[in-house]
Every structure is written in C-alpha cells, then in structure tokens.
Protein backbone atom coordinates (compact mmCIF):
# COMPACT_ATOMS: atom_id res chain seq x y z
CA MET A 1 -0.90 -24.38 9.73
CA TYR A 2 -3.46 -23.84 6.74
CA GLU A 3 -3.17 -23.77 3.01
CA GLY A 4 -5.29 -23.88 -0.08
CA ARG A 5 -5.93 -22.31 -3.06
CA ILE A 6 -7.64 -19.33 -4.97
CA PRO A 7 -8.09 -19.71 -8.68
CA LEU A 8 -7.08 -17.40 -10.97
CA ALA A 9 -10.22 -18.04 -13.14
CA ASP A 10 -12.34 -16.75 -10.26
CA LEU A 11 -10.66 -13.45 -10.63
CA ALA A 12 -12.39 -11.06 -12.20
CA GLY A 13 -8.93 -9.28 -14.68
CA GLY A 14 -6.59 -11.82 -13.18
CA PHE A 15 -3.80 -10.67 -11.28
CA ASP A 16 -0.13 -10.07 -9.95
CA MET A 17 1.11 -10.92 -7.16
CA GLN A 18 4.42 -9.63 -7.27
CA ALA A 19 3.03 -6.29 -9.41
CA THR A 20 0.69 -5.69 -6.40
CA VAL A 21 3.35 -6.20 -3.83
CA GLU A 22 6.28 -4.36 -5.04
CA SER A 23 4.52 -1.86 -7.01
CA GLY A 24 5.20 0.83 -4.14
CA GLN A 25 1.87 0.77 -2.43
CA THR A 26 2.56 -1.08 0.32
CA TYR A 27 5.47 -2.05 2.56
CA LEU A 28 3.89 -4.81 5.11
CA TRP A 29 4.33 -7.51 2.60
CA ASP A 30 8.23 -9.44 2.60
CA ARG A 31 9.28 -11.89 0.26
CA ALA A 32 10.33 -15.55 1.86
CA ASP A 33 13.37 -15.54 -0.24
CA GLY A 34 14.99 -11.89 0.25
CA GLY A 35 14.69 -10.09 -2.96
CA MET A 36 11.87 -8.28 -2.38
CA PHE A 37 12.55 -4.75 -4.21
CA GLU A 38 15.54 -6.18 -5.90
CA ASP A 39 13.84 -7.08 -10.02
CA GLU A 40 14.12 -4.18 -11.88
CA ARG A 41 10.84 -5.28 -13.86
CA ALA A 42 8.08 -7.23 -10.77
CA TRP A 43 6.10 -9.03 -12.50
CA GLY A 44 5.41 -12.60 -13.10
CA ALA A 45 7.35 -13.82 -10.56
CA ASP A 46 6.54 -17.03 -8.15
CA ALA A 47 8.03 -16.30 -4.92
CA TRP A 48 6.58 -16.48 -1.70
CA TYR A 49 5.31 -13.38 -0.51
CA GLU A 50 4.64 -13.35 3.72
CA THR A 51 2.70 -10.30 5.69
CA VAL A 52 1.94 -10.45 9.36
CA LEU A 53 -1.66 -8.57 9.85
CA PRO A 54 -2.07 -7.16 12.98
CA ALA A 55 -4.06 -8.64 16.27
CA SER A 56 -6.98 -5.02 15.92
CA PHE A 57 -7.54 -6.96 11.91
CA THR A 58 -7.94 -9.90 11.96
CA PRO A 59 -11.19 -12.13 13.54
CA SER A 60 -8.96 -13.85 16.44
CA ASN A 61 -8.26 -11.09 17.53
CA ASP A 62 -4.40 -12.42 17.68
CA PRO A 63 -1.47 -11.46 14.72
CA GLU A 64 -1.51 -13.81 12.48
CA VAL A 65 0.72 -15.01 9.33
CA LEU A 66 -0.15 -15.20 5.91
CA ARG A 67 1.78 -16.21 3.24
CA ALA A 68 0.78 -16.49 -0.41
CA ARG A 69 3.06 -17.43 -4.26
CA GLN A 70 1.48 -17.07 -7.53
CA THR A 71 1.31 -19.91 -9.48
CA ASP A 72 0.44 -20.72 -13.36
CA ASP A 73 -3.76 -21.32 -12.03
CA ALA A 74 -3.90 -19.90 -9.31
CA LEU A 75 -2.76 -18.12 -6.17
CA GLU A 76 -2.06 -20.52 -3.37
CA TRP A 77 -1.62 -19.26 0.47
CA GLU A 78 -0.14 -20.83 3.77
CA SER A 79 -1.66 -19.64 6.90
CA SER A 80 -1.74 -19.85 11.03
CA THR A 81 -5.94 -18.45 10.36
CA GLY A 82 -8.51 -20.40 8.19
CA ASP A 83 -9.54 -16.87 7.49
CA ALA A 84 -6.73 -16.79 5.24
CA PRO A 85 -8.76 -16.09 2.12
CA ALA A 86 -10.87 -13.39 2.74
CA LEU A 87 -8.15 -11.99 4.33
CA LEU A 88 -6.31 -12.08 1.78
CA THR A 89 -9.63 -11.11 0.09
CA HIS A 90 -9.86 -7.95 1.05
CA LEU A 91 -5.77 -7.20 0.91
CA LEU A 92 -5.18 -7.17 -2.24
CA ARG A 93 -8.63 -6.24 -3.41
CA LEU A 94 -9.34 -10.04 -5.03
CA ASP A 95 -12.86 -9.63 -5.45
CA ASP A 96 -12.21 -5.97 -7.52
CA ASP A 97 -13.33 -6.81 -11.27
CA LEU A 98 -10.52 -5.16 -12.95
CA ASP A 99 -11.56 -5.56 -16.43
CA ALA A 100 -14.38 -3.69 -15.33
CA ILE A 101 -12.28 -0.86 -13.93
CA ILE A 102 -9.76 -0.48 -16.47
CA ASP A 103 -13.02 -0.34 -19.20
CA THR A 104 -13.98 3.13 -17.06
CA THR A 105 -11.00 4.59 -17.31
CA PRO A 106 -10.35 7.45 -20.83
CA ASP A 107 -8.90 6.08 -23.72
CA LEU A 108 -5.23 7.85 -22.75
CA PRO A 109 -2.15 5.86 -24.96
CA MET A 110 0.10 6.30 -21.98
CA VAL A 111 -2.30 4.95 -19.20
CA GLU A 112 -3.04 2.07 -21.58
CA ARG A 113 0.70 1.20 -22.56
CA ALA A 114 0.93 1.00 -18.60
CA TYR A 115 -2.67 -1.24 -17.89
CA ASP A 116 -0.71 -3.94 -20.72
CA ALA A 117 2.84 -3.95 -19.11
CA TYR A 118 0.99 -4.43 -15.79
CA ARG A 119 -2.24 -6.24 -16.12
CA GLY A 120 -2.83 -8.08 -13.51
CA MET A 121 -1.59 -5.79 -10.48
CA ARG A 122 -4.19 -4.43 -8.22
CA LEU A 123 -4.69 -2.25 -5.19
CA VAL A 124 -4.25 -3.09 -1.79
CA ARG A 125 -5.80 -2.32 1.64
CA ASP A 126 -3.60 -2.25 4.13
CA PRO A 127 -4.62 -2.18 7.26
CA PRO A 128 -4.69 1.61 8.27
CA PHE A 129 -2.78 3.03 10.99
CA PRO A 130 1.22 0.82 9.55
CA CYS A 131 -0.13 2.36 5.95
CA LEU A 132 -0.12 6.27 7.83
CA ILE A 133 3.44 4.87 8.89
CA SER A 134 5.23 3.48 6.68
CA PHE A 135 3.74 6.12 4.09
CA ILE A 136 5.63 9.56 6.88
CA CYS A 137 7.82 7.18 6.27
CA SER A 138 8.65 7.48 2.75
CA ALA A 139 9.77 10.62 1.59
CA GLN A 140 12.39 11.63 -0.19
CA MET A 141 13.55 7.65 0.42
CA ARG A 142 13.27 4.96 -1.82
CA VAL A 143 10.97 1.94 -1.91
CA GLU A 144 13.04 -0.90 -0.18
CA ARG A 145 14.49 1.30 1.88
CA ILE A 146 10.78 2.65 3.57
CA HIS A 147 10.70 -1.14 3.06
CA GLY A 148 13.85 -1.84 5.91
CA MET A 149 11.96 0.62 7.93
CA GLN A 150 9.15 -0.95 8.70
CA ARG A 151 10.55 -4.48 9.10
CA ARG A 152 13.00 -2.65 11.68
CA LEU A 153 9.82 -1.06 13.47
CA ALA A 154 8.38 -4.79 13.60
CA ARG A 155 11.58 -6.64 14.54
CA GLU A 156 12.12 -3.77 17.19
CA TYR A 157 8.57 -3.24 18.36
CA GLY A 158 6.41 -5.47 17.29
CA ASP A 159 4.75 -8.18 18.14
CA ALA A 160 6.57 -11.83 17.46
CA VAL A 161 4.79 -15.26 15.78
CA GLU A 162 5.90 -18.34 15.98
CA PHE A 163 4.66 -19.63 12.20
CA ASP A 164 6.37 -22.56 10.03
CA GLY A 165 9.75 -23.17 12.18
CA ARG A 166 10.50 -19.04 12.29
CA THR A 167 9.91 -16.02 14.31
CA LEU A 168 8.41 -13.03 12.50
CA HIS A 169 6.64 -9.96 13.70
CA ALA A 170 3.50 -7.88 13.59
CA PHE A 171 4.16 -4.23 12.48
CA PRO A 172 3.69 -2.36 16.09
CA THR A 173 0.72 -0.98 17.33
CA PRO A 174 0.07 2.36 18.47
CA ASP A 175 0.82 1.93 21.91
CA GLN A 176 3.84 -0.10 21.55
CA LEU A 177 5.23 2.47 18.94
CA ALA A 178 4.51 5.90 20.17
CA ALA A 179 6.60 4.33 23.48
CA ALA A 180 9.62 4.67 21.54
CA THR A 181 11.20 7.76 21.84
CA GLU A 182 12.74 9.73 19.24
CA ALA A 183 15.80 9.06 19.65
CA ASP A 184 15.26 5.29 19.69
CA LEU A 185 13.32 5.59 16.20
CA ARG A 186 16.70 7.14 14.89
CA ASP A 187 18.61 4.36 16.07
CA LEU A 188 16.69 2.79 13.43
CA SER A 189 17.57 4.51 9.86
CA LEU A 190 14.14 6.85 10.45
CA GLY A 191 16.12 10.61 10.16
CA TYR A 192 14.09 13.17 10.47
CA ARG A 193 11.31 10.81 10.49
CA ALA A 194 11.60 9.82 14.11
CA PRO A 195 9.83 12.29 15.44
CA TYR A 196 6.83 12.32 12.82
CA VAL A 197 6.12 8.73 13.24
CA GLN A 198 6.37 9.16 17.95
CA ARG A 199 3.66 11.99 17.71
CA THR A 200 1.24 9.90 14.93
CA ALA A 201 1.67 6.90 17.02
CA GLU A 202 0.96 8.65 20.22
CA MET A 203 -2.16 10.54 18.19
CA VAL A 204 -3.87 7.67 18.04
CA ALA A 205 -3.34 5.69 20.70
CA THR A 206 -4.59 8.40 23.23
CA GLY A 207 -7.67 8.62 20.98
CA GLU A 208 -6.28 12.34 19.36
CA ALA A 209 -7.27 11.58 16.16
CA THR A 210 -7.30 8.01 13.82
CA PRO A 211 -6.31 7.38 9.84
CA GLU A 212 -10.03 4.69 10.28
CA ALA A 213 -11.76 8.30 11.05
CA ALA A 214 -11.34 9.43 7.74
CA ALA A 215 -12.96 6.31 5.95
CA ASP A 216 -16.42 7.95 7.27
CA LEU A 217 -15.85 11.42 5.11
CA PRO A 218 -16.68 13.13 1.63
CA TYR A 219 -12.88 12.55 0.12
CA GLU A 220 -11.29 15.70 -0.14
CA GLU A 221 -12.38 16.30 3.40
CA ALA A 222 -10.77 12.57 4.37
CA ARG A 223 -7.30 13.84 2.84
CA ASP A 224 -7.24 17.20 5.39
CA TYR A 225 -8.36 15.63 8.09
CA LEU A 226 -5.55 12.87 7.81
CA THR A 227 -3.34 15.38 7.66
CA GLN A 228 -3.45 16.97 11.04
CA PHE A 229 -1.29 13.82 11.48
CA VAL A 230 2.55 15.04 12.21
CA GLY A 231 4.79 14.37 8.70
CA VAL A 232 1.21 14.43 6.49
CA GLY A 233 0.66 16.59 4.09
CA ASP A 234 -2.02 16.20 0.78
CA LYS A 235 0.55 13.39 -1.15
CA VAL A 236 0.77 11.01 2.00
CA ALA A 237 -2.86 11.40 3.20
CA ASP A 238 -3.62 10.62 -0.93
CA CYS A 239 -2.01 7.53 -0.62
CA VAL A 240 -3.23 6.80 2.87
CA LEU A 241 -6.75 7.06 1.30
CA LEU A 242 -5.53 5.36 -1.70
CA PHE A 243 -3.99 2.25 -0.41
CA SER A 244 -6.49 1.51 2.81
CA LEU A 245 -9.50 3.47 2.93
CA ASP A 246 -10.78 2.58 -0.08
CA PHE A 247 -10.74 6.14 -1.76
CA LEU A 248 -10.03 4.42 -4.99
CA GLU A 249 -10.17 7.91 -6.50
CA ALA A 250 -7.71 9.27 -4.97
CA VAL A 251 -4.44 10.63 -6.96
CA PRO A 252 -1.45 10.97 -4.87
CA LEU A 253 1.01 13.22 -6.90
CA ASP A 254 4.19 12.10 -5.91
CA THR A 255 7.14 11.85 -8.81
CA TRP A 256 6.25 10.35 -11.41
CA ILE A 257 2.21 11.70 -11.50
CA GLN A 258 4.05 14.98 -11.98
CA THR A 259 6.19 14.03 -14.95
CA ALA A 260 3.42 12.19 -16.37
CA ILE A 261 1.02 15.86 -16.29
CA ALA A 262 3.72 17.76 -17.38
CA ASP A 263 4.84 15.49 -20.52
CA TYR A 264 1.61 13.89 -21.39
CA TYR A 265 -1.40 16.17 -19.45
CA PRO A 266 0.01 19.98 -18.85
CA GLU A 267 -3.71 21.40 -18.75
CA CYS A 268 -3.93 19.81 -15.50
CA GLU A 269 -1.65 21.02 -13.83
CA LYS A 270 -3.17 24.18 -11.80
CA GLY A 271 -0.33 25.45 -9.53
CA ASN A 272 -1.26 23.55 -6.65
CA TYR A 273 -2.02 20.72 -5.62
CA ARG A 274 -5.86 20.73 -4.26
CA ASP A 275 -6.35 21.58 -8.32
CA THR A 276 -3.72 19.81 -10.44
CA SER A 277 -5.37 16.56 -7.75
CA ARG A 278 -8.67 17.66 -9.01
CA ALA A 279 -7.82 17.87 -12.44
CA ILE A 280 -6.11 14.91 -13.54
CA ARG A 281 -8.15 12.27 -11.33
CA GLU A 282 -10.91 13.72 -13.72
CA ARG A 283 -8.93 13.14 -16.73
CA PHE A 284 -8.24 9.45 -15.04
CA GLY A 285 -11.92 8.97 -14.67
CA GLY A 286 -13.26 9.81 -11.44
CA GLN A 287 -14.40 6.87 -9.89
CA TYR A 288 -11.17 4.46 -10.24
CA ALA A 289 -8.51 7.04 -11.37
CA GLY A 290 -5.96 5.55 -8.08
CA TYR A 291 -6.14 2.70 -10.97
CA ALA A 292 -4.65 4.66 -13.42
CA GLN A 293 -2.40 6.36 -11.20
CA THR A 294 -0.70 3.26 -10.24
CA TYR A 295 -0.45 1.98 -13.10
CA VAL A 296 1.59 4.46 -14.78
CA PHE A 297 2.79 5.56 -10.91
CA PHE A 298 4.29 1.64 -11.47
CA TYR A 299 5.60 1.89 -15.53
CA LEU A 300 6.90 5.41 -15.38
CA ARG A 301 9.04 4.34 -12.31
CA THR A 302 9.58 1.40 -13.70
CA GLY A 303 11.22 2.79 -16.96
CA GLY A 304 8.48 1.94 -19.28
CA GLU A 305 8.83 5.67 -20.40
C-alpha cells in the first residue's frame, strides 16, 4: 500500500473533501465509516473516503483503490497505486484555481452566500461511463438511493480488488454491465431505469456510441450527442458534461436550479430547456457557470434558503 499527503496550502482556493464528494455530483465514492450522505450539512468532516477506479482509467490498466481524508492542513491518501496524487488531482480537480473561478462569477447575492457556506467544494471529474450510468439512475431519486444503486452494481458486476484486508469492487465495465439482463437489474432495485442502464451499457460495449466522444464537440452539440443514450435527456447529459467531461459551463436544470430561477432569476425562464439553460448559464458568468450551479444546488438542497 502506498500513502502520502497533499498540503492544502498548495491548492488555490482551498479544498473540502466532504462537500466535494457528498454534494450530489458523484456517486462513485464511499465513506469508510458508512456515513455517506447522512450529514445534513456535508462540509468539513475528516472521514476517510474511498473509490475503486476502473482499469480503463488507470496507468496500470488494473482497477486501483484510492482512499483519502482531509485533515487541518493536508489531504492524506492511501492507495494501491503510486500514481495516487495525479489521480486525485484529476478526479477532484485539485489543480483548479478556485479563487480565480469564483472571482469570474457575477456579483449575485445568493450565489455568494452559497460560495461562503461551502467554500472549498470543487467539481469532480468522474470516469465517463460510471458517471453516465450514475446519472441515468438519478431521476426522481434521493442522493443516498442513487449511491446505493451504484454500490450494488459494483458489488454484483464489478471487478473485486483486495486492499488493506478488505474486498472492494470497481464499477462495472460496459461489457460487464451489458451482460446483465433487465430482470437482473430490477432485482438490484433499479426499477424502470433497468432497461435504460442495460441498453446504454450495450451501446458503449459495442462501440455504437461512447460518452468520451462528446468531449471533442462544442458544448450544445455535446449535450445533443449524449441524449442518444437510452434514459438520457438534456439534464442528465449536462450532468455528465459537467462532472466528467470538462464542460464547466454546463448548468443542469434540476429541481433546485429551477427553483433558483423562479425565485431569483425569473428573466432566465425561456419556456424550454435549451434557451433557459443558455440564459442561466450567461447569468452565472458563462465559462465557469457550472461551478456556480453546483454551489447553488448544494446550498439550496441543504436548506440554505
């Protein structure tokens, strides 16, 4: 096992591990103490978090375990790979200059309150296929239930990895998940999402379409490309673009952002997803509007207003 630490002083704008992985951006991390998504205000904890990266995402081409926790002055890590610092930097966007990003946001009082409440939260950069499946499962579901679905998929279909005396599981590959039947997936409590997950996995496994292909397209074309996957509408596509594929301008129009538009920015409501998304994106500053969106989403969901 490898271990080390990343000084928080090296991270421009600070960092908060709990807010980053418990804010509803990612469902691929787990909390070692079993308390994932239990805290009403998920910010500032020093718990250990862990994830198993798929082989397609690691330099070794094997599934690798990453475990990290935040202390007063560092992000401590333990891992099955010596590449952990680079992988953590990539996954948790530790190289983002958070101060500079926040400075680009227009002076909007509610957004500023959200930044003040959860300063240090960063966007994540999840592996594309697990991110896509996670958000297909997210429709009309609480964050803890979405997380539970991804844990069950990993345990049932993903590769087992032995680490520190425990058996952990990577998220299934497209081939592994495509081999599941709709009935199998319903048995894991995916409900009506089961055929969406199975068919989308099949599309990726056969090369019919891949989420990574969207990364090379202009933003709105990339969103349209992702909607060809079964169970993916504009909102889910925006989540994948924002939390996996580096489209930091994306603003998923979930229930909380729709509430923010109605209560604070009614001029951005244009009657359809594309135009409303464009309007709120511009209101939030354009290039890094997804950061403002994520802070507002988390702030409102945790009772900030």
